[in-house]
Amino acid sequence: MHEEITYLLIQVGGLLLLLGLLGKFSRRIGLSPIPLYLFAGLAFGHGGLLPLNASEEFFEIGAEIGVILLLLMLGLEYSANELVSNLRSAAPAGLIDALFNAVPGALFALVMGWGWLAAVVLAGITWVSSSGVIAKVLTDLGRVGNRETPVILSVLVIEDLAMAFYLPLLTALLAGASLAGGLTALGVALFTVTAVLLVAIRYGRAISALLPKKNPEALLLTVLGATLLVSGIAAKLQVSAAVGAFLVGIAISGQVAHKATELLTPLRDLFAAVFFLFFGLSTNPRDIPPVLIPALILAVVTMGTKVATGYLAARRAGMAEAGRWRAGLGLMPRGEFSIVIAGLAVTAGAGIAPQLAPLATAYVLITVVAGPLLARLPDYPWFRAWVRKRRAARLAPAPVPVPD
C-alpha cells in the first residue's frame, strides 16, 4: 500500500472516530453536534493545532456530497405540488428576506469603504441562510414534521433559487464582463431551473414508478446516482447543486420516497458531519481575530433580521406564536453559499478588499455556532412561558375607561 494512502486512511479514520465521539458527547449534554464538528476542523485544519493535509481532498468531496444529501432528504419530505403551493405563499417572505438581510451586508461594505462590488458580494453573504446547517438542525431537534418547517423550507428554496440567478451575475461582474454577458448567464440559469422544476412537477409519479422500490440496494444506488448526476449538471450550468438535489427529492414521492429516506439516512448523517468538519478544516484560525469584532457586529444585526424574516413569514402562514419563533430562530445560520460567494470574490481579485474573506469566515462561524444553539430556545420551559405570557397580554381585553 502506498504511503500516501496509508496516511489518508489514518487521518480519515481518526477524524471520523473523533466525530463519532463528539456526536455522542453533544447528545449527552443536549446540544447539536455542529459547533463541535466545526471546532474539530479548526483544530486540525490550516493553522490549527495539528494540521492534517493528506485527507483534505477526501473531505472536500465528502463535504459536497453532504450538502447534496441534506437537501435531497429535505426534498423527499415534500411533494412537487406542496413545493409550488409553498413558493407561492412564501413569495412575499422571500422579498422581505432579501431586503432585511442583503441590504445590511451591502451597507456594511460601503461603510467599511470597500466599494460597490464588495457591497454586492457581502449582500449575498449575509442574505442566504445555510440550507445544510438548517437541515441538520431540524433533524437534530426533531422538527422536520413541524407545521412551521414548510415555511422555513420555502424561504430556503427561494434563496437557493435566487442564488441560481445571483451567482452567474456575480461571476460576470467580478470578471468585468459586459451587461450582455451577464444577461446570457442569467438566461441559462433561468432556463435550467424552470426545465428541472417542470420535469419534477409533471413527471414525478412516473419517475417514482420506474424506481426499483422492492430492491433496497438498487434503489439506493439509483437515487444516489441520479441525485449526484443532476446536482453535477446543475452546478456545471451555474445553477446551485443544492437546488438540483432538492428537486430530485421532490420528484420522488409516495412509498418510494419513504423507502429512500430510510436507506439514505445513515449516509446523510455521515456526510453531513464531514461537511461541517471540512468547513473548519479549510479555515485558518489566525485570520479570524483581526476581523472578529466587525464580524460579530454584522452577525448580531443579520441574525436579528433573519429572526424577523422567519417570524413574519410564519405569522403570514397562520402559525402560532411558538411556531413563529421556531421559524425565525431556525433561519439564522449562514454557511455553504456564503463561503462560495466569498471564494468567488477572492479568486477573481477585482480590487476586492483583502479583509473580506476572513470577515466572511468569522461571520459564518459565528452564525453557524450561535444559530443551532439559539434554535433550541423555543424548547426551554422559560421561553414557552414567556411566549404564553406575550400571547395572553395580546389577547387581553383593553381596560374600559371609568367615567368621572
Protein backbone atom coordinates (compact mmCIF):
# COMPACT_ATOMS: atom_id res chain seq x y z
CA MET A 1 0.00 0.00 0.00
CA HIS A 2 1.36 3.44 -0.95
CA GLU A 3 2.47 5.66 1.91
CA GLU A 4 0.08 8.44 0.84
CA ILE A 5 -2.89 6.07 1.05
CA THR A 6 -1.69 4.87 4.46
CA TYR A 7 -1.64 8.46 5.78
CA LEU A 8 -5.04 9.08 4.21
CA LEU A 9 -6.59 6.06 5.96
CA ILE A 10 -5.09 7.03 9.30
CA GLN A 11 -6.26 10.64 9.10
CA VAL A 12 -9.74 9.85 7.77
CA GLY A 13 -10.25 7.09 10.31
CA GLY A 14 -9.02 9.21 13.20
CA LEU A 15 -11.19 12.19 12.28
CA LEU A 16 -14.31 10.09 11.73
CA LEU A 17 -13.73 8.40 15.09
CA LEU A 18 -13.40 11.84 16.68
CA LEU A 19 -16.65 12.97 15.05
CA GLY A 20 -18.42 9.94 16.45
CA LEU A 21 -17.19 10.67 19.96
CA LEU A 22 -18.12 14.35 19.65
CA GLY A 23 -21.58 13.42 18.38
CA LYS A 24 -22.12 11.10 21.34
CA PHE A 25 -20.90 13.77 23.78
CA SER A 26 -23.08 16.50 22.26
CA ARG A 27 -26.23 14.42 22.55
CA ARG A 28 -25.39 13.52 26.13
CA ILE A 29 -25.30 17.21 27.06
CA GLY A 30 -28.34 18.00 24.88
CA LEU A 31 -26.67 20.16 22.21
CA SER A 32 -26.37 19.98 18.44
CA PRO A 33 -23.02 18.45 17.36
CA ILE A 34 -22.48 21.05 14.61
CA PRO A 35 -20.36 23.52 16.67
CA LEU A 36 -18.15 20.68 17.92
CA TYR A 37 -17.60 19.41 14.36
CA LEU A 38 -16.59 22.92 13.28
CA PHE A 39 -14.11 23.40 16.11
CA ALA A 40 -12.63 19.97 15.41
CA GLY A 41 -12.00 21.15 11.85
CA LEU A 42 -10.36 24.34 13.11
CA ALA A 43 -8.07 22.33 15.37
CA PHE A 44 -6.83 20.05 12.59
CA GLY A 45 -7.00 22.39 9.59
CA HIS A 46 -4.72 25.09 8.17
CA GLY A 47 -3.11 26.99 11.05
CA GLY A 48 -4.65 24.67 13.65
CA LEU A 49 -3.03 22.72 16.46
CA LEU A 50 -2.22 19.71 14.29
CA PRO A 51 -2.73 20.37 10.54
CA LEU A 52 -3.72 17.30 8.54
CA ASN A 53 -3.16 17.66 4.79
CA ALA A 54 -3.37 14.14 3.41
CA SER A 55 -7.16 13.89 3.89
CA GLU A 56 -8.13 17.38 2.70
CA GLU A 57 -9.24 16.38 -0.81
CA PHE A 58 -11.23 13.43 0.55
CA PHE A 59 -13.14 15.62 2.99
CA GLU A 60 -13.70 18.31 0.35
CA ILE A 61 -15.52 15.81 -1.87
CA GLY A 62 -17.34 14.36 1.12
CA ALA A 63 -18.47 17.85 2.13
CA GLU A 64 -20.04 18.44 -1.29
CA ILE A 65 -21.87 15.12 -1.06
CA GLY A 66 -23.02 16.03 2.46
CA VAL A 67 -24.75 19.23 1.34
CA ILE A 68 -26.36 17.39 -1.57
CA LEU A 69 -27.71 14.62 0.66
CA LEU A 70 -29.07 17.08 3.21
CA LEU A 71 -31.09 18.85 0.52
CA LEU A 72 -32.16 15.58 -1.11
CA MET A 73 -33.58 14.35 2.19
CA LEU A 74 -35.48 17.58 2.70
CA GLY A 75 -36.90 17.27 -0.81
CA LEU A 76 -38.11 13.72 -0.10
CA GLU A 77 -40.30 15.11 2.70
CA TYR A 78 -42.45 17.17 0.30
CA SER A 79 -44.25 16.67 -2.99
CA ALA A 80 -43.94 18.92 -6.05
CA ASN A 81 -47.45 20.31 -5.51
CA GLU A 82 -46.60 21.20 -1.91
CA LEU A 83 -43.46 22.98 -3.12
CA VAL A 84 -45.35 25.11 -5.66
CA SER A 85 -48.00 25.98 -3.08
CA ASN A 86 -45.36 26.93 -0.53
CA LEU A 87 -43.41 29.01 -3.03
CA ARG A 88 -46.50 30.98 -3.98
CA SER A 89 -47.41 31.66 -0.39
CA ALA A 90 -43.80 32.46 0.59
CA ALA A 91 -43.02 34.86 -2.26
CA PRO A 92 -43.65 37.95 -0.08
CA ALA A 93 -41.48 36.41 2.64
CA GLY A 94 -38.74 35.94 0.04
CA LEU A 95 -38.87 39.64 -0.81
CA ILE A 96 -38.74 40.57 2.89
CA ASP A 97 -35.84 38.16 3.32
CA ALA A 98 -33.84 39.84 0.56
CA LEU A 99 -34.49 43.34 1.88
CA PHE A 100 -33.90 42.53 5.53
CA ASN A 101 -30.71 40.51 5.04
CA ALA A 102 -28.98 41.57 1.81
CA VAL A 103 -29.22 45.31 2.46
CA PRO A 104 -27.35 45.23 5.83
CA GLY A 105 -24.44 43.40 4.20
CA ALA A 106 -24.23 45.87 1.34
CA LEU A 107 -24.40 48.86 3.68
CA PHE A 108 -21.72 47.34 5.92
CA ALA A 109 -19.30 47.02 2.99
CA LEU A 110 -19.95 50.61 1.93
CA VAL A 111 -19.42 51.89 5.47
CA MET A 112 -16.13 49.98 5.62
CA GLY A 113 -15.10 51.73 2.38
CA TRP A 114 -14.75 48.54 0.33
CA GLY A 115 -16.64 49.79 -2.73
CA TRP A 116 -19.80 48.84 -4.58
CA LEU A 117 -18.53 45.48 -5.89
CA ALA A 118 -17.67 44.32 -2.37
CA ALA A 119 -21.12 45.53 -1.34
CA VAL A 120 -22.72 43.21 -3.90
CA VAL A 121 -20.58 40.33 -2.61
CA LEU A 122 -21.29 40.94 1.10
CA ALA A 123 -25.00 41.36 0.37
CA GLY A 124 -25.07 37.78 -0.90
CA ILE A 125 -23.04 36.52 2.06
CA THR A 126 -25.47 37.96 4.63
CA TRP A 127 -28.60 37.19 2.61
CA VAL A 128 -28.55 33.42 2.22
CA SER A 129 -29.07 31.04 5.12
CA SER A 130 -27.27 27.70 5.17
CA SER A 131 -29.60 25.02 3.87
CA GLY A 132 -27.16 22.34 5.00
CA VAL A 133 -26.84 23.58 8.59
CA ILE A 134 -30.57 24.27 8.95
CA ALA A 135 -31.49 20.86 7.55
CA LYS A 136 -29.21 19.22 10.11
CA VAL A 137 -30.60 21.34 12.95
CA LEU A 138 -34.19 20.49 12.01
CA THR A 139 -33.26 16.81 12.02
CA ASP A 140 -31.35 17.00 15.33
CA LEU A 141 -34.23 18.81 17.05
CA GLY A 142 -36.91 16.51 15.58
CA ARG A 143 -38.70 19.36 13.81
CA VAL A 144 -38.82 18.06 10.24
CA GLY A 145 -42.55 17.30 10.62
CA ASN A 146 -43.44 20.54 12.45
CA ARG A 147 -46.02 22.90 10.98
CA GLU A 148 -43.51 25.75 10.64
CA THR A 149 -40.95 23.63 8.77
CA PRO A 150 -42.58 24.15 5.32
CA VAL A 151 -42.29 27.91 5.96
CA ILE A 152 -38.57 27.57 6.72
CA LEU A 153 -38.14 25.32 3.71
CA SER A 154 -39.94 27.76 1.42
CA VAL A 155 -37.63 30.60 2.42
CA LEU A 156 -34.59 28.37 1.89
CA VAL A 157 -35.77 27.21 -1.53
CA ILE A 158 -36.47 30.78 -2.64
CA GLU A 159 -32.96 31.73 -1.51
CA ASP A 160 -31.38 28.77 -3.30
CA LEU A 161 -33.32 29.54 -6.47
CA ALA A 162 -32.29 33.20 -6.18
CA MET A 163 -28.66 32.05 -5.95
CA ALA A 164 -29.13 30.29 -9.27
CA PHE A 165 -29.52 33.77 -10.78
CA TYR A 166 -27.29 35.75 -8.41
CA LEU A 167 -24.15 33.62 -8.81
CA PRO A 168 -23.91 33.88 -12.63
CA LEU A 169 -24.42 37.64 -12.44
CA LEU A 170 -21.86 37.99 -9.65
CA THR A 171 -19.33 35.92 -11.59
CA ALA A 172 -19.80 38.16 -14.61
CA LEU A 173 -19.39 41.32 -12.52
CA LEU A 174 -16.22 40.02 -10.86
CA ALA A 175 -14.79 39.10 -14.24
CA GLY A 176 -15.60 42.55 -15.61
CA ALA A 177 -17.99 41.10 -18.20
CA SER A 178 -20.39 43.22 -20.18
CA LEU A 179 -24.08 43.53 -19.43
CA ALA A 180 -24.82 41.21 -22.34
CA GLY A 181 -22.58 38.53 -20.88
CA GLY A 182 -24.27 38.81 -17.51
CA LEU A 183 -27.73 38.58 -19.09
CA THR A 184 -26.69 35.49 -21.05
CA ALA A 185 -25.55 33.76 -17.86
CA LEU A 186 -28.82 34.72 -16.20
CA GLY A 187 -30.84 33.34 -19.13
CA VAL A 188 -29.09 29.95 -18.96
CA ALA A 189 -29.74 29.73 -15.23
CA LEU A 190 -33.42 30.67 -15.61
CA PHE A 191 -33.99 28.10 -18.36
CA THR A 192 -32.28 25.32 -16.40
CA VAL A 193 -34.19 25.87 -13.16
CA THR A 194 -37.53 26.13 -14.98
CA ALA A 195 -36.92 22.97 -17.00
CA VAL A 196 -35.92 20.88 -13.99
CA LEU A 197 -38.85 22.14 -11.93
CA LEU A 198 -41.35 21.35 -14.71
CA VAL A 199 -39.99 17.81 -15.04
CA ALA A 200 -40.28 17.31 -11.27
CA ILE A 201 -43.89 18.55 -11.19
CA ARG A 202 -45.26 16.88 -14.31
CA TYR A 203 -43.43 13.56 -14.32
CA GLY A 204 -42.76 12.96 -10.62
CA ARG A 205 -45.13 10.00 -10.33
CA ALA A 206 -43.80 8.38 -13.48
CA ILE A 207 -40.24 8.76 -12.21
CA SER A 208 -41.17 7.18 -8.87
CA ALA A 209 -42.84 4.26 -10.64
CA LEU A 210 -39.64 3.49 -12.54
CA LEU A 211 -37.52 3.17 -9.40
CA PRO A 212 -36.85 -0.35 -8.00
CA LYS A 213 -38.62 0.08 -4.67
CA LYS A 214 -38.56 -3.67 -3.86
CA ASN A 215 -34.77 -3.90 -4.19
CA PRO A 216 -33.10 -1.78 -1.46
CA GLU A 217 -29.62 -1.97 -2.98
CA ALA A 218 -30.78 -0.98 -6.45
CA LEU A 219 -32.99 1.79 -5.04
CA LEU A 220 -30.13 3.26 -3.00
CA LEU A 221 -27.73 3.24 -5.95
CA THR A 222 -30.33 4.64 -8.36
CA VAL A 223 -31.47 7.52 -6.15
CA LEU A 224 -27.96 8.44 -5.03
CA GLY A 225 -26.56 8.22 -8.56
CA ALA A 226 -29.38 10.28 -10.05
CA THR A 227 -29.01 12.93 -7.33
CA LEU A 228 -25.27 13.31 -7.82
CA LEU A 229 -25.71 13.40 -11.62
CA VAL A 230 -28.41 16.07 -11.57
CA SER A 231 -26.51 18.10 -8.97
CA GLY A 232 -23.35 17.98 -11.06
CA ILE A 233 -25.17 19.04 -14.21
CA ALA A 234 -26.88 21.85 -12.31
CA ALA A 235 -23.55 23.09 -10.96
CA LYS A 236 -22.00 22.90 -14.43
CA LEU A 237 -24.78 25.11 -15.76
CA GLN A 238 -24.11 27.67 -12.98
CA VAL A 239 -27.19 26.53 -11.07
CA SER A 240 -26.92 25.51 -7.43
CA ALA A 241 -26.15 21.82 -6.93
CA ALA A 242 -28.33 22.07 -3.81
CA VAL A 243 -31.31 23.12 -5.94
CA GLY A 244 -30.74 20.13 -8.22
CA ALA A 245 -30.62 17.73 -5.27
CA PHE A 246 -33.75 19.22 -3.72
CA LEU A 247 -35.68 18.92 -7.00
CA VAL A 248 -34.67 15.27 -7.33
CA GLY A 249 -36.10 14.74 -3.85
CA ILE A 250 -39.47 16.31 -4.63
CA ALA A 251 -39.67 14.34 -7.90
CA ILE A 252 -39.78 11.12 -5.85
CA SER A 253 -42.99 10.55 -3.95
CA GLY A 254 -45.09 8.00 -2.12
CA GLN A 255 -43.76 4.70 -0.83
CA VAL A 256 -40.56 5.07 -2.85
CA ALA A 257 -39.73 8.34 -1.09
CA HIS A 258 -40.32 6.73 2.31
CA LYS A 259 -38.07 3.77 1.48
CA ALA A 260 -35.37 6.01 0.02
CA THR A 261 -35.41 8.12 3.20
CA GLU A 262 -34.77 5.04 5.34
CA LEU A 263 -31.88 3.91 3.14
CA LEU A 264 -30.21 7.32 2.81
CA THR A 265 -30.46 8.49 6.43
CA PRO A 266 -27.16 6.88 7.60
CA LEU A 267 -25.32 8.26 4.54
CA ARG A 268 -26.74 11.72 5.16
CA ASP A 269 -25.60 11.70 8.78
CA LEU A 270 -22.08 10.60 7.79
CA PHE A 271 -21.52 13.11 5.01
CA ALA A 272 -23.26 15.96 6.86
CA ALA A 273 -20.72 15.56 9.66
CA VAL A 274 -17.94 15.57 7.03
CA PHE A 275 -19.32 18.82 5.59
CA PHE A 276 -19.09 20.68 8.88
CA LEU A 277 -15.66 19.19 9.62
CA PHE A 278 -14.32 20.31 6.24
CA PHE A 279 -15.65 23.82 6.76
CA GLY A 280 -13.45 24.06 9.84
CA LEU A 281 -10.50 22.34 8.16
CA SER A 282 -10.44 24.93 5.37
CA THR A 283 -10.39 27.89 7.78
CA ASN A 284 -7.17 29.33 9.22
CA PRO A 285 -7.89 30.39 12.82
CA ARG A 286 -5.12 33.03 12.69
CA ASP A 287 -7.04 35.11 10.14
CA ILE A 288 -10.09 35.48 12.36
CA PRO A 289 -9.05 37.68 15.36
CA PRO A 290 -8.39 40.92 13.37
CA VAL A 291 -11.91 40.89 11.91
CA LEU A 292 -13.74 39.29 14.81
CA ILE A 293 -15.39 42.46 16.19
CA PRO A 294 -16.76 43.68 12.81
CA ALA A 295 -17.92 40.13 12.03
CA LEU A 296 -19.64 39.89 15.41
CA ILE A 297 -21.48 43.18 14.87
CA LEU A 298 -22.60 42.11 11.42
CA ALA A 299 -23.65 38.69 12.73
CA VAL A 300 -25.75 40.13 15.56
CA VAL A 301 -27.54 42.52 13.19
CA THR A 302 -28.27 39.96 10.48
CA MET A 303 -29.22 37.17 12.87
CA GLY A 304 -31.81 39.56 14.22
CA THR A 305 -33.09 40.34 10.73
CA LYS A 306 -33.31 36.60 9.97
CA VAL A 307 -35.39 36.05 13.09
CA ALA A 308 -37.70 38.85 11.94
CA THR A 309 -37.90 37.28 8.46
CA GLY A 310 -38.90 33.86 9.75
CA TYR A 311 -41.29 35.27 12.35
CA LEU A 312 -43.15 37.38 9.77
CA ALA A 313 -43.25 34.53 7.25
CA ALA A 314 -44.68 32.12 9.82
CA ARG A 315 -47.21 34.70 11.02
CA ARG A 316 -48.37 35.22 7.46
CA ALA A 317 -48.79 31.43 7.14
CA GLY A 318 -51.02 31.38 10.23
CA MET A 319 -48.55 29.79 12.63
CA ALA A 320 -48.96 30.16 16.39
CA GLU A 321 -46.54 32.29 18.39
CA ALA A 322 -44.22 29.38 19.26
CA GLY A 323 -44.00 28.29 15.62
CA ARG A 324 -43.14 31.83 14.54
CA TRP A 325 -40.18 31.93 16.92
CA ARG A 326 -39.02 28.47 15.85
CA ALA A 327 -39.12 29.58 12.22
CA GLY A 328 -37.22 32.80 12.91
CA LEU A 329 -34.55 31.31 15.16
CA GLY A 330 -34.09 28.38 12.77
CA LEU A 331 -33.07 30.59 9.84
CA MET A 332 -30.05 32.28 11.42
CA PRO A 333 -27.05 30.13 10.31
CA ARG A 334 -25.16 31.07 7.15
CA GLY A 335 -22.84 28.55 5.55
CA GLU A 336 -22.04 26.95 2.22
CA PHE A 337 -23.33 29.66 -0.13
CA SER A 338 -21.70 32.44 1.89
CA ILE A 339 -18.33 30.71 1.63
CA VAL A 340 -18.83 30.08 -2.10
CA ILE A 341 -19.61 33.77 -2.68
CA ALA A 342 -16.57 34.91 -0.71
CA GLY A 343 -14.42 32.39 -2.57
CA LEU A 344 -15.54 33.76 -5.94
CA ALA A 345 -14.58 37.27 -4.87
CA VAL A 346 -11.16 36.22 -3.58
CA THR A 347 -10.37 34.16 -6.68
CA ALA A 348 -11.40 36.94 -9.03
CA GLY A 349 -9.44 39.63 -7.18
CA ALA A 350 -11.04 42.56 -8.97
CA GLY A 351 -9.96 45.03 -6.29
CA ILE A 352 -11.93 43.28 -3.51
CA ALA A 353 -10.75 44.26 -0.02
CA PRO A 354 -8.45 41.54 1.41
CA GLN A 355 -10.33 41.64 4.73
CA LEU A 356 -13.50 40.34 3.06
CA ALA A 357 -12.53 36.65 3.07
CA PRO A 358 -11.54 36.35 6.76
CA LEU A 359 -14.51 38.50 7.76
CA ALA A 360 -16.85 36.19 5.83
CA THR A 361 -15.26 33.17 7.50
CA ALA A 362 -15.61 34.64 11.01
CA TYR A 363 -19.16 35.77 10.23
CA VAL A 364 -20.22 32.30 9.07
CA LEU A 365 -18.56 30.64 12.05
CA ILE A 366 -20.39 32.93 14.48
CA THR A 367 -23.79 32.31 12.89
CA VAL A 368 -23.22 28.59 12.38
CA VAL A 369 -22.22 28.12 16.02
CA ALA A 370 -24.76 30.50 17.59
CA GLY A 371 -27.61 29.53 15.25
CA PRO A 372 -28.02 25.86 16.29
CA LEU A 373 -27.66 26.83 19.95
CA LEU A 374 -30.25 29.62 19.77
CA ALA A 375 -32.61 27.44 17.72
CA ARG A 376 -33.18 25.40 20.89
CA LEU A 377 -34.62 28.37 22.82
CA PRO A 378 -38.29 27.56 21.99
CA ASP A 379 -37.83 24.15 23.66
CA TYR A 380 -36.96 25.62 27.07
CA PRO A 381 -39.81 25.95 29.63
CA TRP A 382 -38.94 29.57 30.44
CA PHE A 383 -39.19 30.53 26.76
CA ARG A 384 -42.54 28.76 26.36
CA ALA A 385 -43.80 30.55 29.46
CA TRP A 386 -42.66 33.88 28.02
CA VAL A 387 -44.46 33.14 24.73
CA ARG A 388 -47.68 32.26 26.59
CA LYS A 389 -47.41 35.46 28.58
CA ARG A 390 -46.99 37.53 25.39
CA ARG A 391 -49.99 35.83 23.82
CA ALA A 392 -52.14 36.37 26.90
CA ALA A 393 -51.17 40.03 27.04
CA ARG A 394 -52.03 40.46 23.37
CA LEU A 395 -55.44 38.77 23.74
CA ALA A 396 -56.37 40.51 26.98
CA PRO A 397 -59.27 42.96 26.56
CA ALA A 398 -58.42 46.63 26.74
CA PRO A 399 -59.39 48.28 30.04
CA VAL A 400 -62.73 50.04 29.95
CA PRO A 401 -62.39 53.69 30.95
CA VAL A 402 -64.36 54.58 34.06
CA PRO A 403 -66.42 57.75 33.65
CA ASP A 404 -65.84 60.53 36.13
